[in-house]
Protein backbone atom coordinates (compact mmCIF):
# COMPACT_ATOMS: atom_id res chain seq x y z
CA MET A 1 15.35 15.30 23.11
CA ASP A 2 13.87 15.61 26.60
CA TYR A 3 10.49 14.69 25.14
CA VAL A 4 11.95 11.68 23.30
CA THR A 5 13.61 10.48 26.48
CA ASP A 6 10.61 11.01 28.74
CA ARG A 7 8.01 9.59 26.31
CA GLN A 8 10.14 6.88 24.71
CA GLN A 9 7.68 4.07 25.43
CA GLU A 10 4.76 6.04 24.06
CA ILE A 11 6.68 6.91 20.89
CA VAL A 12 7.75 3.28 20.34
CA GLU A 13 4.19 1.99 20.79
CA ALA A 14 2.80 4.59 18.37
CA THR A 15 5.49 3.74 15.81
CA ILE A 16 4.81 0.00 16.08
CA GLN A 17 1.08 0.59 15.68
CA HIS A 18 1.74 2.81 12.65
CA ILE A 19 3.92 0.17 10.99
CA GLY A 20 1.43 -2.60 11.77
CA ILE A 21 -1.56 -0.73 10.35
CA THR A 22 0.39 0.31 7.25
CA VAL A 23 1.69 -3.18 6.46
CA VAL A 24 -1.63 -4.95 7.06
CA SER A 25 -3.51 -2.35 4.99
CA VAL A 26 -1.16 -2.65 2.02
CA VAL A 27 -1.18 -6.46 2.15
CA LEU A 28 -4.98 -6.49 2.32
CA GLY A 29 -5.15 -4.02 -0.56
CA LEU A 30 -2.83 -6.23 -2.60
CA LEU A 31 -4.93 -9.33 -1.89
CA ILE A 32 -8.05 -7.50 -3.10
CA ALA A 33 -6.33 -5.80 -6.06
CA PHE A 34 -4.85 -9.00 -7.52
CA PRO A 35 -8.12 -10.78 -8.40
CA LEU A 36 -9.65 -7.47 -9.53
CA ALA A 37 -6.73 -6.88 -11.91
CA LEU A 38 -7.00 -10.43 -13.27
CA LEU A 39 -10.75 -9.99 -13.76
CA ALA A 40 -10.26 -6.67 -15.56
CA ARG A 41 -7.64 -8.26 -17.79
CA ARG A 42 -9.64 -11.34 -18.72
CA VAL A 43 -12.95 -9.51 -19.12
CA PRO A 44 -12.05 -6.26 -20.91
CA ARG A 45 -15.57 -4.86 -20.71
CA LEU A 46 -15.27 -4.80 -16.91
CA GLU A 47 -11.96 -2.94 -16.87
CA SER A 48 -13.47 0.54 -17.04
CA ALA A 49 -15.94 -0.27 -14.26
CA ILE A 50 -13.26 -1.72 -11.97
CA LEU A 51 -10.87 1.17 -12.52
CA GLY A 52 -13.70 3.65 -12.14
CA ILE A 53 -14.85 2.20 -8.82
CA THR A 54 -11.35 1.99 -7.33
CA THR A 55 -10.57 5.52 -8.44
CA GLY A 56 -13.91 6.73 -7.10
CA ILE A 57 -13.15 5.29 -3.67
CA TYR A 58 -9.85 7.18 -3.60
CA THR A 59 -11.68 10.47 -4.14
CA VAL A 60 -13.76 9.99 -0.96
CA PRO A 61 -12.15 12.07 1.83
CA SER A 62 -10.79 9.99 4.69
CA LEU A 63 -12.64 12.26 7.11
CA ALA A 64 -15.84 10.90 5.56
CA LEU A 65 -14.82 7.30 4.80
CA PHE A 66 -13.68 6.29 8.28
CA PRO A 67 -16.86 7.50 10.03
CA LEU A 68 -18.91 5.62 7.41
CA LEU A 69 -17.16 2.39 8.38
CA VAL A 70 -17.51 2.89 12.14
CA PRO A 71 -21.13 1.58 12.38
CA PHE A 72 -19.92 -1.72 10.87
CA THR A 73 -16.43 -2.13 12.36
CA GLY A 74 -16.57 0.08 15.45
CA LEU A 75 -13.81 2.30 16.83
CA THR A 76 -11.13 -0.29 16.09
CA ALA A 77 -7.99 -0.68 14.02
CA THR A 78 -10.09 -2.70 11.57
CA THR A 79 -11.83 0.50 10.50
CA VAL A 80 -8.53 2.11 9.60
CA VAL A 81 -7.14 -1.00 7.88
CA ILE A 82 -10.20 -1.46 5.66
CA GLY A 83 -10.29 2.23 4.74
CA LEU A 84 -6.58 2.33 3.86
CA ALA A 85 -6.79 -0.93 1.89
CA LEU A 86 -9.61 0.56 -0.19
CA TYR A 87 -7.53 3.67 -0.85
CA ALA A 88 -4.57 1.54 -2.00
CA LEU A 89 -6.69 -0.23 -4.62
CA THR A 90 -6.57 2.58 -7.17
CA ILE A 91 -2.74 2.37 -7.30
CA LEU A 92 -2.36 -1.39 -6.92
CA VAL A 93 -4.98 -2.43 -9.49
CA ARG A 94 -3.50 -0.13 -12.12
CA SER A 95 0.09 -1.23 -11.45
CA LEU A 96 -0.89 -4.90 -11.65
CA LEU A 97 -2.69 -4.34 -14.95
CA GLU A 98 0.17 -2.36 -16.43
CA GLY A 99 2.69 -4.91 -15.20
CA LEU A 100 0.85 -7.79 -16.84
CA ARG A 101 0.46 -5.81 -20.05
CA SER A 102 4.20 -5.13 -20.14
CA VAL A 103 4.93 -8.83 -20.70
CA PRO A 104 5.84 -9.28 -24.42
CA ASP A 105 3.36 -11.30 -26.46
CA ASP A 106 6.12 -13.46 -27.95
CA VAL A 107 7.11 -14.53 -24.44
CA ARG A 108 3.56 -15.65 -23.74
CA GLU A 109 3.40 -17.50 -27.05
CA SER A 110 6.70 -19.26 -26.37
CA ALA A 111 5.56 -20.34 -22.92
CA THR A 112 2.26 -21.59 -24.31
CA GLY A 113 4.13 -23.52 -26.98
CA LEU A 114 6.18 -25.19 -24.25
CA GLY A 115 2.98 -26.49 -22.69
CA TYR A 116 2.37 -23.90 -19.96
CA GLY A 117 -1.25 -23.74 -18.84
CA ARG A 118 -2.98 -20.49 -17.91
CA GLY A 119 -2.06 -20.80 -14.23
CA GLN A 120 1.56 -21.74 -14.91
CA LEU A 121 1.86 -18.95 -17.45
CA LEU A 122 0.64 -16.41 -14.89
CA LEU A 123 2.73 -17.60 -11.95
CA LYS A 124 5.95 -18.62 -13.69
CA VAL A 125 6.16 -16.19 -16.59
CA GLU A 126 3.85 -13.17 -16.42
CA LEU A 127 4.10 -12.24 -12.73
CA PRO A 128 7.91 -12.46 -12.54
CA LEU A 129 8.25 -10.24 -15.64
CA ALA A 130 5.59 -7.86 -14.32
CA LEU A 131 7.30 -7.46 -10.93
CA PRO A 132 9.26 -4.25 -11.69
CA VAL A 133 6.06 -2.39 -12.61
CA VAL A 134 4.06 -3.98 -9.79
CA MET A 135 6.73 -3.15 -7.22
CA ALA A 136 6.82 0.47 -8.39
CA GLY A 137 3.09 0.70 -7.72
CA LEU A 138 3.49 -1.08 -4.39
CA ARG A 139 6.10 1.46 -3.31
CA VAL A 140 3.79 4.37 -4.13
CA ALA A 141 0.88 2.68 -2.33
CA THR A 142 3.01 2.00 0.75
CA VAL A 143 4.36 5.54 1.07
CA SER A 144 0.85 6.91 0.52
CA THR A 145 -0.53 4.60 3.21
CA VAL A 146 2.13 5.72 5.71
CA ALA A 147 0.79 9.26 5.34
CA LEU A 148 -2.89 8.28 5.38
CA THR A 149 -2.49 6.13 8.48
CA THR A 150 -2.16 9.31 10.53
CA VAL A 151 -5.82 10.10 9.74
CA GLY A 152 -6.72 6.98 11.73
CA SER A 153 -6.38 9.19 14.79
CA LEU A 154 -10.05 10.00 14.14
CA VAL A 155 -10.88 6.63 15.65
CA ALA A 156 -7.86 6.56 18.02
CA TYR A 157 -5.88 4.16 15.80
CA GLY A 158 -3.60 6.45 13.84
CA GLY A 159 -0.21 5.36 15.14
CA LEU A 160 2.01 8.40 15.00
CA GLY A 161 -1.06 10.35 13.91
CA ASN A 162 -2.32 10.10 17.50
CA LEU A 163 0.79 11.97 18.67
CA ILE A 164 0.47 14.51 15.85
CA LYS A 165 -3.17 15.17 16.78
CA ASP A 166 -2.29 15.53 20.45
CA GLY A 167 0.62 17.83 19.61
CA VAL A 168 -1.65 20.09 17.58
CA LEU A 169 -4.40 20.21 20.20
CA THR A 170 -1.99 20.99 23.06
CA ASN A 171 0.47 23.05 20.99
CA PHE A 172 3.19 20.63 22.11
CA ARG A 173 5.75 21.32 19.40
CA ALA A 174 8.23 18.65 20.47
CA GLU A 175 5.58 15.94 20.20
CA LEU A 176 4.31 17.27 16.86
CA PHE A 177 7.79 17.54 15.34
CA THR A 178 8.94 14.14 16.60
CA ALA A 179 5.88 12.30 15.30
CA SER A 180 5.99 14.09 11.93
CA LEU A 181 9.68 13.37 11.51
CA LEU A 182 9.16 9.70 12.34
CA CYS A 183 6.44 9.48 9.66
CA VAL A 184 8.89 10.77 7.06
CA VAL A 185 11.63 8.41 8.24
CA LEU A 186 9.20 5.49 8.22
CA ALA A 187 8.12 6.26 4.65
CA PHE A 188 11.74 6.37 3.47
CA ALA A 189 12.61 3.18 5.36
CA LEU A 190 9.70 1.15 3.95
CA ASP A 191 10.40 2.43 0.45
CA ALA A 192 14.07 1.43 0.74
CA LEU A 193 13.05 -1.98 2.04
CA LEU A 194 10.76 -2.54 -0.95
CA VAL A 195 13.59 -1.53 -3.32
CA LEU A 196 15.81 -4.19 -1.73
CA VAL A 197 13.03 -6.77 -2.02
CA GLN A 198 12.54 -5.88 -5.68
CA ARG A 199 16.25 -6.32 -6.39
CA MET A 200 16.23 -9.70 -4.69
CA LEU A 201 13.16 -10.87 -6.64
CA THR A 202 14.31 -9.51 -10.01
CA PRO A 203 18.08 -10.16 -10.23
CA TRP A 204 17.95 -10.14 -14.03
CA THR A 205 17.13 -6.40 -14.08
CA ARG A 206 20.52 -5.52 -12.57
CA GLY A 207 22.34 -6.52 -15.70
CA VAL A 208 19.88 -4.55 -17.84
CA ARG A 209 20.48 -1.37 -15.84
CA ALA A 210 24.23 -1.92 -15.95
């Protein structure tokens, strides 16, 4: 507690940076994953290639990926954000595809019969019904990104990872424990927030569960 009191400002700044990098990375990953999932769905022969590439990126160790990006983005938060967004693709693309596939065919046919075009069908019918599956994938991607953000300490933009790295190097157990605990709390908090958002966006699922 002495450490928390004495280094309060440092801890707050690291936490804010961690949250910022995590949120921006997941949002960027979602923006990239959405068109990729639509492309894979509309052009089935590309699905294997898209899933293969996104999965392949995830297998690249972060200790190797971040340094590979440094020559292009420098020692900046952008390096970490791009790397984490790429890692999130393997989860987000798959969840979007599975979510869209979970929409019953008869629902699509009914909407088409009512005069819905392809864009209206996607935005007003398919995406709302796919939300439970998509949100499940988003939760996994977010929690995973909270953990991976700590590796950003390689380029000095790891949020709480910077404190963890410093705690390990100096054997400062209070710093190491505090930063690690905050990472766990942050993961739980963001996951709970996404659950609340999902319930707000899909009120019809409450009755089904009941």
